[in-house]
Amino acid sequence: MSAAEQALATADAVPLSLRGPASARVVAGYGFWLFLLSDIIIFAALFAAYAVLSGETAGGPTAADLFDKKHVLIETACLLVSSVTCGFGSLAVQSGDRSSTYFWMAITFILGVTFLSLEVSEFSHMVAIGAGPTRSAFLSAFFTLVGTHGLHVTIGLCWLIVMLLQVTTLGFRPMVSRRFFCFGLFWHALDIVWVGVFTIVYLGAHL
């Protein structure tokens, strides 16, 4: 086999995603940032819709009537602390420490589930008192915005379970580490969106 044929065979053996000038981690990170930007555009549209419709209560309860500040503060604390524990878990992944990865990511999962439980209880209470999403345009916008964020948290928790199973079965292969890196970006982005929700929706209701 000639040198040219050997070089061609070697190139064919390398996946297309690994043939560029950047590493696979950089390519994966760049692609995931593009995904996050598209997600942020969706949330920006939902925030805009809420801002326009927040006063359209159709004679029903207003935001100040419905939102419990203490309840929301606990929700916010759970999600913000989960971002810190996710960061520690990401550092454990980078160092290849399996026990620390399980520990910090398990705490992240528990805090995420607690956040979702509090959010579901808030929704259930609102629906029980007749303040469901069909009551007014304000409530439709509220349930859509906050519910979309909650859906993202649910997806993130399912993703985290899959990633921990991959650590158990595959260890800290580069592919697994890249996926954990993307998960960390996703989870921190959800915290940033929630800060916007907390400020605009919940704090804004009491200003």
N, C-alpha and C. Protein backbone atom coordinates (compact mmCIF):
# COMPACT_ATOMS: atom_id res chain seq x y z
N MET A 1 0.85 -1.19 0.00
CA MET A 1 0.00 0.00 0.00
C MET A 1 0.89 1.24 0.00
N SER A 2 0.57 2.17 -0.87
CA SER A 2 1.37 3.39 -0.97
C SER A 2 1.12 4.29 0.23
N ALA A 3 2.00 5.29 0.37
CA ALA A 3 1.86 6.22 1.50
C ALA A 3 0.55 6.99 1.41
N ALA A 4 0.16 7.35 0.19
CA ALA A 4 -1.09 8.09 0.01
C ALA A 4 -2.29 7.25 0.41
N GLU A 5 -2.25 5.94 0.02
CA GLU A 5 -3.35 5.06 0.38
C GLU A 5 -3.42 4.85 1.89
N GLN A 6 -2.24 4.74 2.54
CA GLN A 6 -2.21 4.59 3.99
C GLN A 6 -2.78 5.82 4.69
N ALA A 7 -2.45 7.00 4.19
CA ALA A 7 -2.96 8.25 4.78
C ALA A 7 -4.47 8.34 4.62
N LEU A 8 -4.97 7.91 3.44
CA LEU A 8 -6.40 7.95 3.19
C LEU A 8 -7.14 6.98 4.10
N ALA A 9 -6.57 5.80 4.27
CA ALA A 9 -7.19 4.80 5.14
C ALA A 9 -7.23 5.28 6.59
N THR A 10 -6.15 5.95 7.01
CA THR A 10 -6.11 6.48 8.37
C THR A 10 -7.16 7.56 8.55
N ALA A 11 -7.32 8.44 7.54
CA ALA A 11 -8.33 9.51 7.62
C ALA A 11 -9.73 8.94 7.67
N ASP A 12 -9.97 7.87 6.92
CA ASP A 12 -11.30 7.26 6.92
C ASP A 12 -11.62 6.62 8.27
N ALA A 13 -10.57 6.19 8.99
CA ALA A 13 -10.78 5.55 10.28
C ALA A 13 -11.13 6.56 11.37
N VAL A 14 -10.85 7.83 11.13
CA VAL A 14 -11.14 8.87 12.11
C VAL A 14 -12.54 9.42 11.85
N PRO A 15 -13.41 9.47 12.86
CA PRO A 15 -14.75 10.02 12.64
C PRO A 15 -14.70 11.44 12.10
N LEU A 16 -15.68 11.78 11.29
CA LEU A 16 -15.70 13.10 10.66
C LEU A 16 -15.69 14.22 11.69
N SER A 17 -16.33 14.01 12.84
CA SER A 17 -16.40 15.05 13.87
C SER A 17 -15.06 15.33 14.52
N LEU A 18 -14.08 14.42 14.31
CA LEU A 18 -12.76 14.59 14.94
C LEU A 18 -11.69 15.03 13.96
N ARG A 19 -12.06 15.33 12.72
CA ARG A 19 -11.06 15.65 11.71
C ARG A 19 -10.76 17.14 11.60
N GLY A 20 -11.51 17.98 12.32
CA GLY A 20 -11.31 19.43 12.21
C GLY A 20 -10.15 19.90 13.06
N PRO A 21 -9.86 21.20 13.00
CA PRO A 21 -8.73 21.76 13.76
C PRO A 21 -9.01 21.84 15.26
N ALA A 22 -10.29 21.83 15.66
CA ALA A 22 -10.64 21.94 17.08
C ALA A 22 -10.88 20.55 17.67
N SER A 23 -10.70 20.46 18.99
CA SER A 23 -10.94 19.19 19.67
C SER A 23 -12.43 18.88 19.72
N ALA A 24 -12.74 17.61 19.99
CA ALA A 24 -14.15 17.20 20.08
C ALA A 24 -14.86 17.95 21.21
N ARG A 25 -14.15 18.23 22.30
CA ARG A 25 -14.76 18.95 23.42
C ARG A 25 -15.16 20.37 23.00
N VAL A 26 -14.29 21.02 22.23
CA VAL A 26 -14.59 22.38 21.77
C VAL A 26 -15.78 22.37 20.81
N VAL A 27 -15.79 21.41 19.89
CA VAL A 27 -16.88 21.30 18.93
C VAL A 27 -18.20 21.03 19.64
N ALA A 28 -18.19 20.10 20.61
CA ALA A 28 -19.41 19.78 21.35
C ALA A 28 -19.90 20.98 22.15
N GLY A 29 -18.94 21.67 22.79
CA GLY A 29 -19.31 22.85 23.56
C GLY A 29 -19.90 23.95 22.70
N TYR A 30 -19.30 24.18 21.54
CA TYR A 30 -19.80 25.21 20.62
C TYR A 30 -21.21 24.86 20.14
N GLY A 31 -21.40 23.61 19.74
CA GLY A 31 -22.72 23.18 19.29
C GLY A 31 -23.77 23.31 20.38
N PHE A 32 -23.37 22.99 21.61
CA PHE A 32 -24.35 23.07 22.70
C PHE A 32 -24.66 24.51 23.06
N TRP A 33 -23.68 25.40 22.93
CA TRP A 33 -23.95 26.82 23.15
C TRP A 33 -24.96 27.32 22.13
N LEU A 34 -24.87 26.86 20.90
CA LEU A 34 -25.86 27.25 19.89
C LEU A 34 -27.26 26.79 20.29
N PHE A 35 -27.34 25.56 20.81
CA PHE A 35 -28.63 25.06 21.29
C PHE A 35 -29.17 25.93 22.42
N LEU A 36 -28.29 26.29 23.39
CA LEU A 36 -28.72 27.10 24.50
C LEU A 36 -29.21 28.48 24.05
N LEU A 37 -28.55 29.04 23.05
CA LEU A 37 -28.98 30.33 22.52
C LEU A 37 -30.38 30.23 21.92
N SER A 38 -30.65 29.14 21.21
CA SER A 38 -32.00 28.97 20.66
C SER A 38 -33.02 28.82 21.78
N ASP A 39 -32.63 28.15 22.87
CA ASP A 39 -33.52 27.99 24.01
C ASP A 39 -33.79 29.34 24.68
N ILE A 40 -32.75 30.16 24.77
CA ILE A 40 -32.91 31.48 25.40
C ILE A 40 -33.84 32.35 24.57
N ILE A 41 -33.79 32.19 23.26
CA ILE A 41 -34.71 32.94 22.40
C ILE A 41 -36.16 32.56 22.72
N ILE A 42 -36.41 31.27 22.94
CA ILE A 42 -37.76 30.82 23.31
C ILE A 42 -38.19 31.46 24.61
N PHE A 43 -37.31 31.44 25.61
CA PHE A 43 -37.67 32.03 26.89
C PHE A 43 -37.84 33.54 26.78
N ALA A 44 -37.04 34.19 25.94
CA ALA A 44 -37.20 35.63 25.74
C ALA A 44 -38.58 35.95 25.20
N ALA A 45 -39.07 35.12 24.27
CA ALA A 45 -40.42 35.32 23.72
C ALA A 45 -41.47 35.11 24.81
N LEU A 46 -41.27 34.11 25.67
CA LEU A 46 -42.23 33.86 26.75
C LEU A 46 -42.22 34.99 27.78
N PHE A 47 -41.03 35.52 28.08
CA PHE A 47 -40.95 36.67 28.98
C PHE A 47 -41.67 37.88 28.39
N ALA A 48 -41.48 38.09 27.10
CA ALA A 48 -42.15 39.22 26.43
C ALA A 48 -43.66 39.06 26.48
N ALA A 49 -44.15 37.83 26.23
CA ALA A 49 -45.59 37.58 26.29
C ALA A 49 -46.12 37.82 27.70
N TYR A 50 -45.37 37.38 28.70
CA TYR A 50 -45.81 37.60 30.08
C TYR A 50 -45.85 39.08 30.41
N ALA A 51 -44.84 39.83 29.98
CA ALA A 51 -44.80 41.27 30.26
C ALA A 51 -46.01 41.98 29.68
N VAL A 52 -46.44 41.55 28.50
CA VAL A 52 -47.58 42.17 27.84
C VAL A 52 -48.89 41.77 28.52
N LEU A 53 -48.98 40.52 28.96
CA LEU A 53 -50.25 39.99 29.45
C LEU A 53 -50.39 39.98 30.97
N SER A 54 -49.36 40.39 31.68
CA SER A 54 -49.38 40.26 33.15
C SER A 54 -50.51 41.06 33.79
N GLY A 55 -50.99 42.11 33.13
CA GLY A 55 -52.07 42.90 33.71
C GLY A 55 -53.45 42.48 33.24
N GLU A 56 -53.51 41.51 32.33
CA GLU A 56 -54.80 41.08 31.77
C GLU A 56 -55.40 39.96 32.62
N THR A 57 -55.99 40.35 33.74
CA THR A 57 -56.50 39.36 34.70
C THR A 57 -57.97 39.00 34.47
N ALA A 58 -58.65 39.71 33.59
CA ALA A 58 -60.07 39.44 33.30
C ALA A 58 -60.93 39.45 34.56
N GLY A 59 -60.58 40.34 35.48
CA GLY A 59 -61.34 40.43 36.73
C GLY A 59 -61.00 39.35 37.73
N GLY A 60 -60.05 38.50 37.42
CA GLY A 60 -59.66 37.43 38.33
C GLY A 60 -58.52 37.86 39.25
N PRO A 61 -57.93 36.90 39.96
CA PRO A 61 -56.84 37.23 40.89
C PRO A 61 -55.62 37.76 40.18
N THR A 62 -54.93 38.67 40.84
CA THR A 62 -53.70 39.24 40.29
C THR A 62 -52.50 38.45 40.80
N ALA A 63 -51.32 38.80 40.28
CA ALA A 63 -50.10 38.12 40.72
C ALA A 63 -49.86 38.32 42.20
N ALA A 64 -50.10 39.54 42.70
CA ALA A 64 -49.89 39.82 44.12
C ALA A 64 -50.83 38.99 45.00
N ASP A 65 -52.01 38.67 44.48
CA ASP A 65 -52.97 37.86 45.25
C ASP A 65 -52.54 36.40 45.34
N LEU A 66 -51.82 35.93 44.35
CA LEU A 66 -51.57 34.49 44.22
C LEU A 66 -50.21 34.03 44.73
N PHE A 67 -49.18 34.85 44.57
CA PHE A 67 -47.81 34.37 44.80
C PHE A 67 -47.43 34.47 46.27
N ASP A 68 -46.91 33.38 46.80
CA ASP A 68 -46.42 33.30 48.18
C ASP A 68 -44.90 33.50 48.14
N LYS A 69 -44.44 34.62 48.70
CA LYS A 69 -43.02 34.97 48.62
C LYS A 69 -42.14 33.93 49.32
N LYS A 70 -42.57 33.43 50.47
CA LYS A 70 -41.77 32.45 51.20
C LYS A 70 -41.61 31.16 50.38
N HIS A 71 -42.70 30.72 49.77
CA HIS A 71 -42.68 29.52 48.94
C HIS A 71 -41.71 29.69 47.78
N VAL A 72 -41.77 30.84 47.14
CA VAL A 72 -40.91 31.09 45.98
C VAL A 72 -39.45 31.22 46.40
N LEU A 73 -39.18 31.81 47.56
CA LEU A 73 -37.81 31.93 48.04
C LEU A 73 -37.19 30.56 48.28
N ILE A 74 -37.97 29.62 48.81
CA ILE A 74 -37.46 28.26 49.03
C ILE A 74 -37.16 27.59 47.68
N GLU A 75 -38.08 27.76 46.72
CA GLU A 75 -37.84 27.24 45.38
C GLU A 75 -36.53 27.77 44.81
N THR A 76 -36.37 29.09 44.91
CA THR A 76 -35.18 29.73 44.34
C THR A 76 -33.91 29.25 45.02
N ALA A 77 -33.96 29.12 46.34
CA ALA A 77 -32.78 28.65 47.08
C ALA A 77 -32.40 27.24 46.63
N CYS A 78 -33.38 26.38 46.46
CA CYS A 78 -33.10 25.00 46.02
C CYS A 78 -32.39 24.99 44.68
N LEU A 79 -32.90 25.78 43.74
CA LEU A 79 -32.32 25.76 42.39
C LEU A 79 -30.94 26.39 42.36
N LEU A 80 -30.74 27.49 43.10
CA LEU A 80 -29.43 28.15 43.10
C LEU A 80 -28.38 27.28 43.78
N VAL A 81 -28.75 26.63 44.88
CA VAL A 81 -27.80 25.74 45.56
C VAL A 81 -27.48 24.55 44.67
N SER A 82 -28.47 24.07 43.91
CA SER A 82 -28.22 22.94 43.01
C SER A 82 -27.20 23.31 41.94
N SER A 83 -27.15 24.58 41.56
CA SER A 83 -26.16 25.01 40.58
C SER A 83 -24.75 24.92 41.17
N VAL A 84 -24.63 25.23 42.47
CA VAL A 84 -23.33 25.12 43.15
C VAL A 84 -22.90 23.66 43.23
N THR A 85 -23.82 22.79 43.65
CA THR A 85 -23.47 21.38 43.77
C THR A 85 -23.17 20.76 42.40
N CYS A 86 -23.87 21.25 41.37
CA CYS A 86 -23.57 20.77 40.01
C CYS A 86 -22.15 21.18 39.60
N GLY A 87 -21.74 22.39 40.01
CA GLY A 87 -20.38 22.82 39.72
C GLY A 87 -19.34 21.94 40.39
N PHE A 88 -19.59 21.59 41.66
CA PHE A 88 -18.67 20.68 42.36
C PHE A 88 -18.65 19.31 41.68
N GLY A 89 -19.83 18.85 41.23
CA GLY A 89 -19.89 17.58 40.53
C GLY A 89 -19.11 17.61 39.23
N SER A 90 -19.18 18.73 38.52
CA SER A 90 -18.42 18.86 37.27
C SER A 90 -16.93 18.82 37.52
N LEU A 91 -16.49 19.44 38.62
CA LEU A 91 -15.06 19.39 38.98
C LEU A 91 -14.65 17.96 39.32
N ALA A 92 -15.55 17.22 39.97
CA ALA A 92 -15.25 15.82 40.29
C ALA A 92 -15.14 14.98 39.02
N VAL A 93 -15.96 15.28 38.03
CA VAL A 93 -15.88 14.57 36.75
C VAL A 93 -14.53 14.84 36.09
N GLN A 94 -14.10 16.09 36.11
CA GLN A 94 -12.82 16.45 35.49
C GLN A 94 -11.64 15.76 36.17
N SER A 95 -11.74 15.57 37.48
CA SER A 95 -10.65 14.91 38.22
C SER A 95 -10.78 13.40 38.23
N GLY A 96 -11.89 12.87 37.68
CA GLY A 96 -12.08 11.42 37.63
C GLY A 96 -12.43 10.80 38.96
N ASP A 97 -13.00 11.59 39.86
CA ASP A 97 -13.37 11.09 41.20
C ASP A 97 -14.81 10.60 41.16
N ARG A 98 -15.00 9.29 41.09
CA ARG A 98 -16.33 8.73 40.91
C ARG A 98 -17.22 8.95 42.12
N SER A 99 -16.70 8.72 43.34
CA SER A 99 -17.53 8.86 44.54
C SER A 99 -17.99 10.30 44.73
N SER A 100 -17.11 11.27 44.49
CA SER A 100 -17.51 12.69 44.62
C SER A 100 -18.51 13.07 43.54
N THR A 101 -18.36 12.50 42.36
CA THR A 101 -19.32 12.77 41.29
C THR A 101 -20.71 12.29 41.70
N TYR A 102 -20.80 11.06 42.21
CA TYR A 102 -22.08 10.54 42.66
C TYR A 102 -22.66 11.42 43.78
N PHE A 103 -21.81 11.80 44.71
CA PHE A 103 -22.28 12.56 45.88
C PHE A 103 -22.86 13.91 45.46
N TRP A 104 -22.08 14.70 44.71
CA TRP A 104 -22.53 16.04 44.36
C TRP A 104 -23.69 16.02 43.37
N MET A 105 -23.67 15.08 42.44
CA MET A 105 -24.76 15.02 41.48
C MET A 105 -26.04 14.47 42.11
N ALA A 106 -25.90 13.62 43.13
CA ALA A 106 -27.08 13.14 43.85
C ALA A 106 -27.75 14.30 44.60
N ILE A 107 -26.94 15.16 45.21
CA ILE A 107 -27.49 16.33 45.89
C ILE A 107 -28.15 17.25 44.87
N THR A 108 -27.51 17.43 43.71
CA THR A 108 -28.11 18.24 42.65
C THR A 108 -29.47 17.69 42.26
N PHE A 109 -29.55 16.38 42.11
CA PHE A 109 -30.81 15.73 41.74
C PHE A 109 -31.88 15.95 42.81
N ILE A 110 -31.52 15.77 44.07
CA ILE A 110 -32.48 15.93 45.17
C ILE A 110 -33.00 17.37 45.21
N LEU A 111 -32.11 18.34 45.05
CA LEU A 111 -32.53 19.74 45.07
C LEU A 111 -33.43 20.04 43.87
N GLY A 112 -33.11 19.46 42.72
CA GLY A 112 -33.95 19.66 41.54
C GLY A 112 -35.34 19.08 41.73
N VAL A 113 -35.41 17.88 42.32
CA VAL A 113 -36.71 17.25 42.58
C VAL A 113 -37.50 18.08 43.60
N THR A 114 -36.81 18.60 44.61
CA THR A 114 -37.48 19.45 45.60
C THR A 114 -38.06 20.70 44.94
N PHE A 115 -37.27 21.31 44.07
CA PHE A 115 -37.75 22.49 43.34
C PHE A 115 -39.01 22.16 42.54
N LEU A 116 -38.96 21.05 41.81
CA LEU A 116 -40.13 20.66 41.00
C LEU A 116 -41.34 20.36 41.88
N SER A 117 -41.13 19.71 43.02
CA SER A 117 -42.25 19.40 43.92
C SER A 117 -42.91 20.67 44.42
N LEU A 118 -42.10 21.67 44.76
CA LEU A 118 -42.65 22.95 45.22
C LEU A 118 -43.41 23.64 44.10
N GLU A 119 -42.88 23.55 42.89
CA GLU A 119 -43.54 24.19 41.75
C GLU A 119 -44.88 23.51 41.44
N VAL A 120 -44.89 22.19 41.48
CA VAL A 120 -46.14 21.45 41.23
C VAL A 120 -47.17 21.75 42.31
N SER A 121 -46.72 21.87 43.56
CA SER A 121 -47.66 22.19 44.65
C SER A 121 -48.24 23.59 44.46
N GLU A 122 -47.42 24.52 43.97
CA GLU A 122 -47.92 25.87 43.69
C GLU A 122 -48.97 25.84 42.58
N PHE A 123 -48.67 25.13 41.51
CA PHE A 123 -49.62 25.00 40.40
C PHE A 123 -50.92 24.36 40.87
N SER A 124 -50.80 23.29 41.66
CA SER A 124 -51.98 22.56 42.12
C SER A 124 -52.87 23.46 42.98
N HIS A 125 -52.23 24.23 43.85
CA HIS A 125 -52.99 25.14 44.71
C HIS A 125 -53.72 26.19 43.88
N MET A 126 -53.03 26.75 42.88
CA MET A 126 -53.66 27.77 42.04
C MET A 126 -54.85 27.21 41.27
N VAL A 127 -54.69 26.00 40.73
CA VAL A 127 -55.79 25.38 39.99
C VAL A 127 -56.95 25.07 40.93
N ALA A 128 -56.64 24.64 42.16
CA ALA A 128 -57.68 24.28 43.12
C ALA A 128 -58.55 25.47 43.52
N ILE A 129 -57.97 26.67 43.51
CA ILE A 129 -58.75 27.86 43.90
C ILE A 129 -59.32 28.57 42.68
N GLY A 130 -59.27 27.91 41.52
CA GLY A 130 -59.86 28.48 40.32
C GLY A 130 -58.98 29.43 39.55
N ALA A 131 -57.68 29.38 39.81
CA ALA A 131 -56.73 30.25 39.11
C ALA A 131 -55.87 29.43 38.16
N GLY A 132 -56.54 28.64 37.33
CA GLY A 132 -55.83 27.82 36.35
C GLY A 132 -55.44 28.61 35.12
N PRO A 133 -54.77 27.98 34.19
CA PRO A 133 -54.27 28.70 33.00
C PRO A 133 -55.37 29.23 32.09
N THR A 134 -56.59 28.71 32.21
CA THR A 134 -57.68 29.19 31.35
C THR A 134 -58.45 30.35 31.99
N ARG A 135 -58.10 30.74 33.20
CA ARG A 135 -58.85 31.79 33.90
C ARG A 135 -58.64 33.16 33.28
N SER A 136 -57.43 33.47 32.85
CA SER A 136 -57.15 34.79 32.27
C SER A 136 -55.90 34.70 31.41
N ALA A 137 -55.68 35.75 30.62
CA ALA A 137 -54.47 35.80 29.79
C ALA A 137 -53.22 35.86 30.66
N PHE A 138 -53.30 36.56 31.77
CA PHE A 138 -52.18 36.62 32.72
C PHE A 138 -51.79 35.23 33.19
N LEU A 139 -52.77 34.44 33.59
CA LEU A 139 -52.47 33.10 34.10
C LEU A 139 -52.00 32.17 32.99
N SER A 140 -52.52 32.35 31.78
CA SER A 140 -52.03 31.55 30.65
C SER A 140 -50.55 31.82 30.41
N ALA A 141 -50.16 33.10 30.44
CA ALA A 141 -48.76 33.46 30.23
C ALA A 141 -47.89 32.95 31.37
N PHE A 142 -48.41 33.04 32.60
CA PHE A 142 -47.65 32.59 33.76
C PHE A 142 -47.40 31.08 33.70
N PHE A 143 -48.44 30.31 33.49
CA PHE A 143 -48.29 28.85 33.46
C PHE A 143 -47.39 28.42 32.30
N THR A 144 -47.47 29.12 31.17
CA THR A 144 -46.64 28.75 30.02
C THR A 144 -45.17 29.02 30.31
N LEU A 145 -44.87 30.21 30.86
CA LEU A 145 -43.48 30.57 31.15
C LEU A 145 -42.88 29.68 32.23
N VAL A 146 -43.53 29.62 33.37
CA VAL A 146 -42.98 28.86 34.49
C VAL A 146 -43.04 27.35 34.21
N GLY A 147 -44.11 26.92 33.54
CA GLY A 147 -44.22 25.50 33.19
C GLY A 147 -43.16 25.06 32.21
N THR A 148 -42.80 25.93 31.25
CA THR A 148 -41.74 25.59 30.30
C THR A 148 -40.41 25.44 31.02
N HIS A 149 -40.16 26.33 31.98
CA HIS A 149 -38.93 26.19 32.77
C HIS A 149 -38.95 24.89 33.56
N GLY A 150 -40.09 24.57 34.17
CA GLY A 150 -40.20 23.32 34.92
C GLY A 150 -39.99 22.10 34.04
N LEU A 151 -40.48 22.17 32.80
CA LEU A 151 -40.26 21.07 31.86
C LEU A 151 -38.78 20.89 31.58
N HIS A 152 -38.07 22.00 31.44
CA HIS A 152 -36.62 21.92 31.21
C HIS A 152 -35.90 21.30 32.41
N VAL A 153 -36.34 21.66 33.62
CA VAL A 153 -35.73 21.06 34.81
C VAL A 153 -35.99 19.55 34.83
N THR A 154 -37.19 19.14 34.47
CA THR A 154 -37.52 17.71 34.42
C THR A 154 -36.62 16.99 33.43
N ILE A 155 -36.44 17.57 32.25
CA ILE A 155 -35.55 16.97 31.24
C ILE A 155 -34.13 16.88 31.78
N GLY A 156 -33.69 17.95 32.48
CA GLY A 156 -32.34 17.94 33.05
C GLY A 156 -32.16 16.84 34.08
N LEU A 157 -33.16 16.59 34.90
CA LEU A 157 -33.07 15.53 35.90
C LEU A 157 -33.00 14.15 35.24
N CYS A 158 -33.80 13.95 34.19
CA CYS A 158 -33.72 12.68 33.45
C CYS A 158 -32.35 12.52 32.81
N TRP A 159 -31.84 13.59 32.26
CA TRP A 159 -30.50 13.57 31.65
C TRP A 159 -29.45 13.22 32.70
N LEU A 160 -29.56 13.77 33.90
CA LEU A 160 -28.59 13.51 34.95
C LEU A 160 -28.60 12.03 35.33
N ILE A 161 -29.78 11.42 35.42
CA ILE A 161 -29.85 9.99 35.73
C ILE A 161 -29.10 9.17 34.67
N VAL A 162 -29.34 9.51 33.40
CA VAL A 162 -28.66 8.80 32.30
C VAL A 162 -27.15 8.97 32.41
N MET A 163 -26.70 10.20 32.75
CA MET A 163 -25.26 10.44 32.83
C MET A 163 -24.63 9.65 33.98
N LEU A 164 -25.31 9.56 35.10
CA LEU A 164 -24.76 8.79 36.22
C LEU A 164 -24.70 7.30 35.87
N LEU A 165 -25.68 6.82 35.13
CA LEU A 165 -25.63 5.43 34.66
C LEU A 165 -24.46 5.23 33.71
N GLN A 166 -24.17 6.23 32.89
CA GLN A 166 -23.03 6.11 31.97
C GLN A 166 -21.71 6.10 32.73
N VAL A 167 -21.62 6.88 33.81
CA VAL A 167 -20.41 6.84 34.63
C VAL A 167 -20.24 5.44 35.22
N THR A 168 -21.34 4.84 35.66
CA THR A 168 -21.29 3.50 36.25
C THR A 168 -20.83 2.46 35.24
N THR A 169 -21.33 2.56 34.00
CA THR A 169 -21.05 1.53 33.00
C THR A 169 -19.82 1.82 32.14
N LEU A 170 -19.56 3.10 31.87
CA LEU A 170 -18.48 3.47 30.94
C LEU A 170 -17.30 4.16 31.61
N GLY A 171 -17.50 4.63 32.85
CA GLY A 171 -16.44 5.37 33.50
C GLY A 171 -16.33 6.79 32.94
N PHE A 172 -15.17 7.40 33.13
CA PHE A 172 -14.97 8.78 32.69
C PHE A 172 -14.28 8.83 31.32
N ARG A 173 -14.90 8.21 30.34
CA ARG A 173 -14.40 8.32 28.98
C ARG A 173 -14.57 9.75 28.49
N PRO A 174 -13.76 10.18 27.52
CA PRO A 174 -13.92 11.55 27.00
C PRO A 174 -15.34 11.87 26.56
N MET A 175 -16.02 10.90 25.96
CA MET A 175 -17.40 11.12 25.52
C MET A 175 -18.30 11.44 26.72
N VAL A 176 -18.13 10.71 27.82
CA VAL A 176 -18.94 10.93 29.02
C VAL A 176 -18.63 12.29 29.63
N SER A 177 -17.35 12.64 29.69
CA SER A 177 -16.95 13.93 30.26
C SER A 177 -17.53 15.08 29.44
N ARG A 178 -17.53 14.95 28.10
CA ARG A 178 -18.10 16.00 27.26
C ARG A 178 -19.59 16.15 27.54
N ARG A 179 -20.28 15.04 27.71
CA ARG A 179 -21.72 15.11 27.97
C ARG A 179 -22.01 15.73 29.33
N PHE A 180 -21.17 15.44 30.31
CA PHE A 180 -21.33 16.09 31.61
C PHE A 180 -21.08 17.59 31.50
N PHE A 181 -20.12 17.97 30.67
CA PHE A 181 -19.84 19.38 30.44
C PHE A 181 -21.07 20.08 29.87
N CYS A 182 -21.71 19.45 28.89
CA CYS A 182 -22.92 20.02 28.29
C CYS A 182 -24.06 20.06 29.31
N PHE A 183 -24.17 19.02 30.13
CA PHE A 183 -25.21 19.03 31.16
C PHE A 183 -25.01 20.20 32.12
N GLY A 184 -23.75 20.45 32.51
CA GLY A 184 -23.47 21.57 33.40
C GLY A 184 -23.90 22.90 32.80
N LEU A 185 -23.61 23.09 31.52
CA LEU A 185 -24.04 24.32 30.84
C LEU A 185 -25.56 24.44 30.88
N PHE A 186 -26.24 23.34 30.59
CA PHE A 186 -27.70 23.33 30.57
C PHE A 186 -28.27 23.69 31.94
N TRP A 187 -27.74 23.08 32.98
CA TRP A 187 -28.27 23.30 34.33
C TRP A 187 -28.04 24.74 34.79
N HIS A 188 -26.84 25.27 34.53
CA HIS A 188 -26.56 26.65 34.92
C HIS A 188 -27.44 27.63 34.13
N ALA A 189 -27.71 27.32 32.87
CA ALA A 189 -28.59 28.18 32.06
C ALA A 189 -29.99 28.22 32.66
N LEU A 190 -30.46 27.08 33.17
CA LEU A 190 -31.78 27.05 33.80
C LEU A 190 -31.82 27.94 35.04
N ASP A 191 -30.71 28.01 35.77
CA ASP A 191 -30.64 28.90 36.93
C ASP A 191 -30.73 30.35 36.50
N ILE A 192 -30.05 30.69 35.41
CA ILE A 192 -30.09 32.06 34.91
C ILE A 192 -31.52 32.44 34.51
N VAL A 193 -32.18 31.52 33.81
CA VAL A 193 -33.58 31.77 33.41
C VAL A 193 -34.45 31.94 34.64
N TRP A 194 -34.23 31.11 35.66
CA TRP A 194 -35.07 31.22 36.86
C TRP A 194 -34.85 32.55 37.58
N VAL A 195 -33.63 33.06 37.57
CA VAL A 195 -33.39 34.38 38.16
C VAL A 195 -34.27 35.42 37.46
N GLY A 196 -34.39 35.30 36.15
CA GLY A 196 -35.29 36.18 35.41
C GLY A 196 -36.74 35.98 35.81
N VAL A 197 -37.15 34.72 35.96
CA VAL A 197 -38.53 34.43 36.38
C VAL A 197 -38.79 35.00 37.77
N PHE A 198 -37.87 34.76 38.68
CA PHE A 198 -38.02 35.24 40.05
C PHE A 198 -38.11 36.76 40.09
N THR A 199 -37.28 37.43 39.30
CA THR A 199 -37.25 38.89 39.33
C THR A 199 -38.48 39.50 38.65
N ILE A 200 -38.77 39.03 37.44
CA ILE A 200 -39.84 39.65 36.65
C ILE A 200 -41.22 39.20 37.09
N VAL A 201 -41.38 37.92 37.35
CA VAL A 201 -42.72 37.38 37.64
C VAL A 201 -43.05 37.55 39.13
N TYR A 202 -42.19 37.04 40.00
CA TYR A 202 -42.55 37.00 41.41
C TYR A 202 -42.25 38.31 42.14
N LEU A 203 -41.04 38.84 42.00
CA LEU A 203 -40.76 40.13 42.64
C LEU A 203 -41.56 41.24 41.99
N GLY A 204 -41.71 41.17 40.67
CA GLY A 204 -42.47 42.19 39.98
C GLY A 204 -43.92 42.27 40.43
N ALA A 205 -44.44 41.15 40.95
CA ALA A 205 -45.83 41.14 41.40
C ALA A 205 -46.03 41.96 42.66
N HIS A 206 -44.96 42.20 43.41
CA HIS A 206 -45.09 42.91 44.70
C HIS A 206 -44.49 44.31 44.65
N LEU A 207 -44.13 44.77 43.45
CA LEU A 207 -43.60 46.13 43.32
C LEU A 207 -44.70 47.14 43.09
